[in-house]
Amino acid sequence: MSFALAAVQRLRGYVLPLSIVGALVLVAYFFVTPVRTWNTQRDLLAERSNRYAAFEEVNDVLQDEVDALREPSGVRQAIREQLGYLLPNERRVPMLASPEAPITLPARWPYTLVAGIVTLRESQYEGVLQGNLDTFDPQRP
């Protein structure tokens, strides 16, 4: 037996498993790479679609504003809101938000009297909400 023939017979047992492993590697390479690219493109498409939807929404709002400004009433309203323009028979009355009162009061006179009145009014209001009292009129004791 020659050396070449002995080497071929020894390698014959490795050829089939190596060729199967090689085929699996090639299939995995040609399958995984396109799937990874497809997933990346899908994510990019979703992001761009969301961005496009946001731009469409902004464009719709701006188009509504343009449509409103094409009418005289819309122009008057824009002048009032943006420039603060008033008609000759109108008067500006500034309105400020009422500040929130503190909930806790000191435990000494005259605050104890006020706290008692507030507690009474709160219980009356709760009675109206529960249906135990007919009316709740803060002007009547």
N, C-alpha and C. Protein backbone atom coordinates (compact mmCIF):
# COMPACT_ATOMS: atom_id res chain seq x y z
N MET A 1 0.81 -1.16 0.00
CA MET A 1 0.00 0.00 0.00
C MET A 1 0.86 1.24 0.00
N SER A 2 0.48 2.13 -0.81
CA SER A 2 1.29 3.35 -0.91
C SER A 2 0.83 4.35 0.15
N PHE A 3 1.69 5.30 0.35
CA PHE A 3 1.42 6.32 1.36
C PHE A 3 0.22 7.17 0.97
N ALA A 4 0.07 7.51 -0.30
CA ALA A 4 -1.05 8.35 -0.76
C ALA A 4 -2.37 7.63 -0.57
N LEU A 5 -2.39 6.35 -0.89
CA LEU A 5 -3.62 5.58 -0.74
C LEU A 5 -4.01 5.46 0.73
N ALA A 6 -3.07 5.29 1.61
CA ALA A 6 -3.35 5.20 3.05
C ALA A 6 -3.88 6.53 3.58
N ALA A 7 -3.32 7.63 3.09
CA ALA A 7 -3.78 8.95 3.53
C ALA A 7 -5.20 9.22 3.06
N VAL A 8 -5.53 8.80 1.84
CA VAL A 8 -6.88 9.00 1.30
C VAL A 8 -7.88 8.17 2.10
N GLN A 9 -7.52 6.96 2.46
CA GLN A 9 -8.44 6.12 3.22
C GLN A 9 -8.66 6.68 4.63
N ARG A 10 -7.62 7.28 5.21
CA ARG A 10 -7.78 7.88 6.53
C ARG A 10 -8.66 9.13 6.47
N LEU A 11 -8.53 9.90 5.42
CA LEU A 11 -9.31 11.13 5.29
C LEU A 11 -10.74 10.88 4.84
N ARG A 12 -11.00 9.69 4.28
CA ARG A 12 -12.34 9.39 3.78
C ARG A 12 -13.38 9.48 4.91
N GLY A 13 -13.04 9.13 6.11
CA GLY A 13 -13.96 9.21 7.25
C GLY A 13 -14.26 10.65 7.68
N TYR A 14 -13.37 11.59 7.34
CA TYR A 14 -13.57 12.98 7.72
C TYR A 14 -14.23 13.82 6.64
N VAL A 15 -14.25 13.35 5.43
CA VAL A 15 -14.75 14.15 4.31
C VAL A 15 -16.24 14.43 4.45
N LEU A 16 -17.03 13.43 4.74
CA LEU A 16 -18.49 13.62 4.83
C LEU A 16 -18.87 14.57 5.99
N PRO A 17 -18.35 14.37 7.20
CA PRO A 17 -18.71 15.31 8.26
C PRO A 17 -18.22 16.73 7.98
N LEU A 18 -17.02 16.86 7.43
CA LEU A 18 -16.50 18.20 7.12
C LEU A 18 -17.31 18.87 6.02
N SER A 19 -17.74 18.11 5.04
CA SER A 19 -18.55 18.71 3.97
C SER A 19 -19.93 19.12 4.50
N ILE A 20 -20.50 18.33 5.42
CA ILE A 20 -21.79 18.70 6.02
C ILE A 20 -21.64 19.97 6.86
N VAL A 21 -20.58 20.04 7.66
CA VAL A 21 -20.34 21.24 8.47
C VAL A 21 -20.11 22.44 7.56
N GLY A 22 -19.35 22.27 6.50
CA GLY A 22 -19.12 23.37 5.56
C GLY A 22 -20.41 23.84 4.90
N ALA A 23 -21.25 22.88 4.52
CA ALA A 23 -22.54 23.25 3.90
C ALA A 23 -23.41 24.00 4.89
N LEU A 24 -23.42 23.55 6.16
CA LEU A 24 -24.21 24.25 7.18
C LEU A 24 -23.69 25.66 7.42
N VAL A 25 -22.38 25.82 7.43
CA VAL A 25 -21.79 27.15 7.60
C VAL A 25 -22.19 28.06 6.45
N LEU A 26 -22.14 27.55 5.22
CA LEU A 26 -22.54 28.37 4.06
C LEU A 26 -24.01 28.73 4.11
N VAL A 27 -24.86 27.76 4.45
CA VAL A 27 -26.30 28.04 4.55
C VAL A 27 -26.57 29.07 5.65
N ALA A 28 -25.90 28.91 6.79
CA ALA A 28 -26.10 29.87 7.88
C ALA A 28 -25.63 31.26 7.47
N TYR A 29 -24.51 31.33 6.79
CA TYR A 29 -24.00 32.64 6.36
C TYR A 29 -24.95 33.30 5.38
N PHE A 30 -25.41 32.53 4.39
CA PHE A 30 -26.29 33.12 3.38
C PHE A 30 -27.72 33.33 3.89
N PHE A 31 -28.08 32.74 5.04
CA PHE A 31 -29.40 32.96 5.61
C PHE A 31 -29.37 34.05 6.68
N VAL A 32 -28.36 34.03 7.55
CA VAL A 32 -28.29 34.97 8.67
C VAL A 32 -28.04 36.39 8.19
N THR A 33 -27.16 36.57 7.26
CA THR A 33 -26.83 37.92 6.79
C THR A 33 -28.04 38.62 6.17
N PRO A 34 -28.80 37.99 5.28
CA PRO A 34 -29.98 38.68 4.75
C PRO A 34 -31.06 38.93 5.81
N VAL A 35 -31.22 38.00 6.74
CA VAL A 35 -32.23 38.20 7.79
C VAL A 35 -31.84 39.37 8.68
N ARG A 36 -30.57 39.47 9.01
CA ARG A 36 -30.10 40.59 9.82
C ARG A 36 -30.31 41.91 9.08
N THR A 37 -29.98 41.93 7.80
CA THR A 37 -30.20 43.13 6.99
C THR A 37 -31.68 43.46 6.90
N TRP A 38 -32.52 42.44 6.73
CA TRP A 38 -33.96 42.66 6.64
C TRP A 38 -34.51 43.23 7.94
N ASN A 39 -34.04 42.72 9.11
CA ASN A 39 -34.48 43.26 10.40
C ASN A 39 -34.04 44.71 10.57
N THR A 40 -32.83 45.03 10.17
CA THR A 40 -32.35 46.41 10.25
C THR A 40 -33.19 47.32 9.37
N GLN A 41 -33.48 46.88 8.17
CA GLN A 41 -34.30 47.69 7.27
C GLN A 41 -35.73 47.84 7.80
N ARG A 42 -36.27 46.80 8.41
CA ARG A 42 -37.62 46.87 8.98
C ARG A 42 -37.67 47.90 10.11
N ASP A 43 -36.66 47.88 11.00
CA ASP A 43 -36.62 48.85 12.09
C ASP A 43 -36.47 50.27 11.55
N LEU A 44 -35.63 50.44 10.56
CA LEU A 44 -35.43 51.75 9.96
C LEU A 44 -36.71 52.24 9.29
N LEU A 45 -37.41 51.34 8.63
CA LEU A 45 -38.67 51.71 7.98
C LEU A 45 -39.72 52.11 9.01
N ALA A 46 -39.80 51.41 10.13
CA ALA A 46 -40.75 51.77 11.18
C ALA A 46 -40.43 53.14 11.77
N GLU A 47 -39.14 53.40 11.99
CA GLU A 47 -38.74 54.71 12.53
C GLU A 47 -39.08 55.82 11.55
N ARG A 48 -38.77 55.60 10.29
CA ARG A 48 -39.07 56.63 9.28
C ARG A 48 -40.58 56.82 9.11
N SER A 49 -41.34 55.74 9.21
CA SER A 49 -42.80 55.86 9.11
C SER A 49 -43.36 56.69 10.26
N ASN A 50 -42.84 56.48 11.46
CA ASN A 50 -43.28 57.28 12.61
C ASN A 50 -42.91 58.74 12.42
N ARG A 51 -41.71 58.99 11.93
CA ARG A 51 -41.28 60.36 11.69
C ARG A 51 -42.14 61.02 10.62
N TYR A 52 -42.46 60.26 9.58
CA TYR A 52 -43.31 60.78 8.50
C TYR A 52 -44.71 61.10 9.02
N ALA A 53 -45.24 60.24 9.88
CA ALA A 53 -46.57 60.50 10.46
C ALA A 53 -46.55 61.77 11.31
N ALA A 54 -45.46 62.00 12.05
CA ALA A 54 -45.36 63.22 12.84
C ALA A 54 -45.30 64.45 11.94
N PHE A 55 -44.55 64.36 10.85
CA PHE A 55 -44.49 65.48 9.91
C PHE A 55 -45.84 65.73 9.26
N GLU A 56 -46.55 64.67 8.94
CA GLU A 56 -47.89 64.83 8.35
C GLU A 56 -48.83 65.53 9.33
N GLU A 57 -48.73 65.16 10.60
CA GLU A 57 -49.59 65.79 11.62
C GLU A 57 -49.28 67.28 11.74
N VAL A 58 -48.00 67.62 11.76
CA VAL A 58 -47.61 69.03 11.83
C VAL A 58 -48.09 69.77 10.59
N ASN A 59 -47.96 69.16 9.43
CA ASN A 59 -48.43 69.79 8.20
C ASN A 59 -49.94 70.00 8.22
N ASP A 60 -50.69 69.04 8.76
CA ASP A 60 -52.14 69.19 8.85
C ASP A 60 -52.52 70.36 9.75
N VAL A 61 -51.82 70.49 10.88
CA VAL A 61 -52.10 71.60 11.79
C VAL A 61 -51.79 72.93 11.11
N LEU A 62 -50.66 73.00 10.42
CA LEU A 62 -50.29 74.23 9.72
C LEU A 62 -51.27 74.53 8.59
N GLN A 63 -51.73 73.51 7.89
CA GLN A 63 -52.70 73.73 6.82
C GLN A 63 -54.03 74.24 7.38
N ASP A 64 -54.45 73.73 8.53
CA ASP A 64 -55.66 74.24 9.18
C ASP A 64 -55.49 75.71 9.55
N GLU A 65 -54.30 76.07 10.02
CA GLU A 65 -54.03 77.46 10.37
C GLU A 65 -54.07 78.35 9.13
N VAL A 66 -53.50 77.88 8.03
CA VAL A 66 -53.51 78.64 6.78
C VAL A 66 -54.94 78.80 6.28
N ASP A 67 -55.73 77.73 6.36
CA ASP A 67 -57.13 77.81 5.94
C ASP A 67 -57.91 78.81 6.78
N ALA A 68 -57.63 78.84 8.08
CA ALA A 68 -58.31 79.80 8.95
C ALA A 68 -57.90 81.23 8.62
N LEU A 69 -56.64 81.43 8.25
CA LEU A 69 -56.17 82.79 7.95
C LEU A 69 -56.65 83.28 6.60
N ARG A 70 -57.23 82.44 5.79
CA ARG A 70 -57.77 82.88 4.50
C ARG A 70 -59.14 83.54 4.66
N GLU A 71 -59.75 83.39 5.82
CA GLU A 71 -61.05 84.01 6.09
C GLU A 71 -60.85 85.24 6.96
N PRO A 72 -61.69 86.26 6.80
CA PRO A 72 -61.55 87.48 7.61
C PRO A 72 -61.69 87.22 9.11
N SER A 73 -62.58 86.33 9.50
CA SER A 73 -62.73 86.05 10.94
C SER A 73 -61.47 85.39 11.50
N GLY A 74 -60.82 84.55 10.72
CA GLY A 74 -59.58 83.93 11.16
C GLY A 74 -58.46 84.94 11.30
N VAL A 75 -58.43 85.91 10.37
CA VAL A 75 -57.40 86.96 10.45
C VAL A 75 -57.63 87.80 11.70
N ARG A 76 -58.90 88.16 11.97
CA ARG A 76 -59.21 88.94 13.17
C ARG A 76 -58.81 88.18 14.43
N GLN A 77 -59.11 86.90 14.46
CA GLN A 77 -58.77 86.09 15.63
C GLN A 77 -57.25 86.01 15.82
N ALA A 78 -56.50 85.85 14.73
CA ALA A 78 -55.04 85.80 14.83
C ALA A 78 -54.48 87.13 15.32
N ILE A 79 -55.05 88.23 14.83
CA ILE A 79 -54.59 89.56 15.28
C ILE A 79 -54.87 89.73 16.76
N ARG A 80 -56.01 89.27 17.22
CA ARG A 80 -56.35 89.38 18.64
C ARG A 80 -55.37 88.55 19.50
N GLU A 81 -55.14 87.31 19.07
CA GLU A 81 -54.31 86.42 19.89
C GLU A 81 -52.84 86.80 19.86
N GLN A 82 -52.32 87.14 18.69
CA GLN A 82 -50.88 87.35 18.57
C GLN A 82 -50.45 88.78 18.85
N LEU A 83 -51.28 89.74 18.48
CA LEU A 83 -50.91 91.14 18.66
C LEU A 83 -51.64 91.80 19.82
N GLY A 84 -52.67 91.16 20.34
CA GLY A 84 -53.42 91.74 21.44
C GLY A 84 -54.33 92.88 21.01
N TYR A 85 -54.76 92.88 19.76
CA TYR A 85 -55.59 93.95 19.22
C TYR A 85 -57.01 93.86 19.79
N LEU A 86 -57.60 95.02 20.12
CA LEU A 86 -58.97 95.09 20.60
C LEU A 86 -59.78 95.99 19.69
N LEU A 87 -61.06 95.70 19.57
CA LEU A 87 -61.95 96.57 18.83
C LEU A 87 -62.22 97.82 19.66
N PRO A 88 -62.68 98.92 19.04
CA PRO A 88 -62.88 100.16 19.79
C PRO A 88 -63.87 100.02 20.95
N ASN A 89 -64.87 99.18 20.85
CA ASN A 89 -65.85 99.06 21.93
C ASN A 89 -65.48 98.00 22.97
N GLU A 90 -64.29 97.43 22.91
CA GLU A 90 -63.87 96.39 23.84
C GLU A 90 -62.89 96.95 24.87
N ARG A 91 -62.83 96.28 26.01
CA ARG A 91 -61.93 96.70 27.07
C ARG A 91 -61.22 95.47 27.61
N ARG A 92 -59.93 95.59 27.86
CA ARG A 92 -59.14 94.47 28.35
C ARG A 92 -59.26 94.40 29.88
N VAL A 93 -59.57 93.21 30.36
CA VAL A 93 -59.68 92.97 31.80
C VAL A 93 -58.70 91.85 32.14
N PRO A 94 -57.60 92.18 32.83
CA PRO A 94 -56.64 91.12 33.17
C PRO A 94 -57.21 90.19 34.24
N MET A 95 -57.04 88.91 34.03
CA MET A 95 -57.52 87.91 34.98
C MET A 95 -56.33 87.07 35.43
N LEU A 96 -56.14 87.01 36.72
CA LEU A 96 -55.07 86.20 37.27
C LEU A 96 -55.68 84.96 37.93
N ALA A 97 -54.94 83.90 37.92
CA ALA A 97 -55.41 82.69 38.58
C ALA A 97 -55.40 82.89 40.09
N SER A 98 -56.41 82.39 40.75
CA SER A 98 -56.46 82.56 42.21
C SER A 98 -55.43 81.64 42.85
N PRO A 99 -54.69 82.15 43.81
CA PRO A 99 -53.66 81.31 44.44
C PRO A 99 -54.31 80.25 45.32
N GLU A 100 -53.62 79.15 45.45
CA GLU A 100 -54.12 78.07 46.30
C GLU A 100 -53.89 78.44 47.76
N ALA A 101 -54.93 78.31 48.56
CA ALA A 101 -54.83 78.61 49.99
C ALA A 101 -54.16 77.44 50.70
N PRO A 102 -53.41 77.74 51.76
CA PRO A 102 -52.80 76.64 52.51
C PRO A 102 -53.88 75.79 53.18
N ILE A 103 -53.66 74.52 53.24
CA ILE A 103 -54.66 73.60 53.78
C ILE A 103 -54.60 73.58 55.31
N THR A 104 -53.43 73.67 55.86
CA THR A 104 -53.30 73.60 57.32
C THR A 104 -53.29 75.00 57.90
N LEU A 105 -54.03 75.17 58.96
CA LEU A 105 -54.09 76.45 59.67
C LEU A 105 -53.46 76.27 61.05
N PRO A 106 -52.93 77.35 61.63
CA PRO A 106 -52.38 77.23 62.98
C PRO A 106 -53.47 76.84 63.98
N ALA A 107 -53.08 76.19 65.05
CA ALA A 107 -54.03 75.70 66.06
C ALA A 107 -54.20 76.72 67.18
N ARG A 108 -54.52 77.95 66.85
CA ARG A 108 -54.80 78.98 67.86
C ARG A 108 -55.88 79.90 67.33
N TRP A 109 -56.45 80.69 68.24
CA TRP A 109 -57.53 81.59 67.87
C TRP A 109 -57.00 82.66 66.94
N PRO A 110 -57.65 83.08 65.90
CA PRO A 110 -59.00 82.83 65.39
C PRO A 110 -59.02 81.71 64.36
N TYR A 111 -57.89 81.05 64.17
CA TYR A 111 -57.82 80.02 63.13
C TYR A 111 -58.62 78.78 63.49
N THR A 112 -58.77 78.51 64.79
CA THR A 112 -59.58 77.36 65.19
C THR A 112 -61.03 77.55 64.79
N LEU A 113 -61.51 78.79 64.89
CA LEU A 113 -62.88 79.10 64.47
C LEU A 113 -63.03 78.89 62.96
N VAL A 114 -62.06 79.38 62.20
CA VAL A 114 -62.09 79.22 60.73
C VAL A 114 -62.00 77.75 60.36
N ALA A 115 -61.12 77.01 61.04
CA ALA A 115 -60.98 75.58 60.75
C ALA A 115 -62.28 74.84 61.04
N GLY A 116 -62.97 75.23 62.10
CA GLY A 116 -64.27 74.61 62.42
C GLY A 116 -65.30 74.89 61.34
N ILE A 117 -65.34 76.12 60.83
CA ILE A 117 -66.28 76.47 59.77
C ILE A 117 -65.97 75.68 58.50
N VAL A 118 -64.68 75.58 58.16
CA VAL A 118 -64.28 74.84 56.96
C VAL A 118 -64.66 73.37 57.10
N THR A 119 -64.43 72.80 58.28
CA THR A 119 -64.79 71.40 58.51
C THR A 119 -66.29 71.19 58.39
N LEU A 120 -67.08 72.12 58.94
CA LEU A 120 -68.53 72.03 58.84
C LEU A 120 -68.98 72.09 57.39
N ARG A 121 -68.43 73.03 56.62
CA ARG A 121 -68.81 73.16 55.21
C ARG A 121 -68.40 71.93 54.40
N GLU A 122 -67.24 71.38 54.71
CA GLU A 122 -66.82 70.16 54.00
C GLU A 122 -67.75 69.00 54.31
N SER A 123 -68.17 68.87 55.56
CA SER A 123 -69.09 67.78 55.90
C SER A 123 -70.45 68.00 55.26
N GLN A 124 -70.90 69.27 55.17
CA GLN A 124 -72.16 69.55 54.48
C GLN A 124 -72.04 69.18 53.00
N TYR A 125 -70.94 69.52 52.39
CA TYR A 125 -70.73 69.20 50.97
C TYR A 125 -70.71 67.69 50.75
N GLU A 126 -70.04 66.97 51.65
CA GLU A 126 -70.02 65.51 51.56
C GLU A 126 -71.44 64.95 51.70
N GLY A 127 -72.24 65.55 52.59
CA GLY A 127 -73.62 65.11 52.74
C GLY A 127 -74.43 65.31 51.48
N VAL A 128 -74.19 66.42 50.78
CA VAL A 128 -74.89 66.67 49.51
C VAL A 128 -74.45 65.64 48.48
N LEU A 129 -73.16 65.34 48.42
CA LEU A 129 -72.67 64.36 47.45
C LEU A 129 -73.23 62.97 47.72
N GLN A 130 -73.40 62.63 48.98
CA GLN A 130 -73.92 61.31 49.33
C GLN A 130 -75.44 61.25 49.25
N GLY A 131 -76.09 62.39 49.11
CA GLY A 131 -77.55 62.42 49.01
C GLY A 131 -78.24 62.55 50.34
N ASN A 132 -77.50 62.81 51.42
CA ASN A 132 -78.11 62.95 52.73
C ASN A 132 -78.74 64.33 52.92
N LEU A 133 -78.21 65.35 52.27
CA LEU A 133 -78.74 66.71 52.37
C LEU A 133 -79.35 67.10 51.03
N ASP A 134 -80.39 67.92 51.09
CA ASP A 134 -81.08 68.32 49.86
C ASP A 134 -80.29 69.35 49.08
N THR A 135 -79.86 70.41 49.74
CA THR A 135 -79.16 71.49 49.04
C THR A 135 -77.90 71.85 49.81
N PHE A 136 -77.03 72.50 49.10
CA PHE A 136 -75.82 73.03 49.71
C PHE A 136 -75.68 74.46 49.23
N ASP A 137 -75.98 75.40 50.09
CA ASP A 137 -75.89 76.81 49.74
C ASP A 137 -74.92 77.47 50.71
N PRO A 138 -73.73 77.84 50.26
CA PRO A 138 -72.76 78.45 51.17
C PRO A 138 -73.23 79.78 51.74
N GLN A 139 -74.22 80.42 51.12
CA GLN A 139 -74.70 81.70 51.61
C GLN A 139 -75.66 81.53 52.80
N ARG A 140 -76.26 80.35 52.92
CA ARG A 140 -77.18 80.08 54.03
C ARG A 140 -76.47 79.24 55.08
N PRO A 141 -76.66 79.59 56.35
CA PRO A 141 -76.05 78.76 57.40
C PRO A 141 -76.78 77.45 57.57
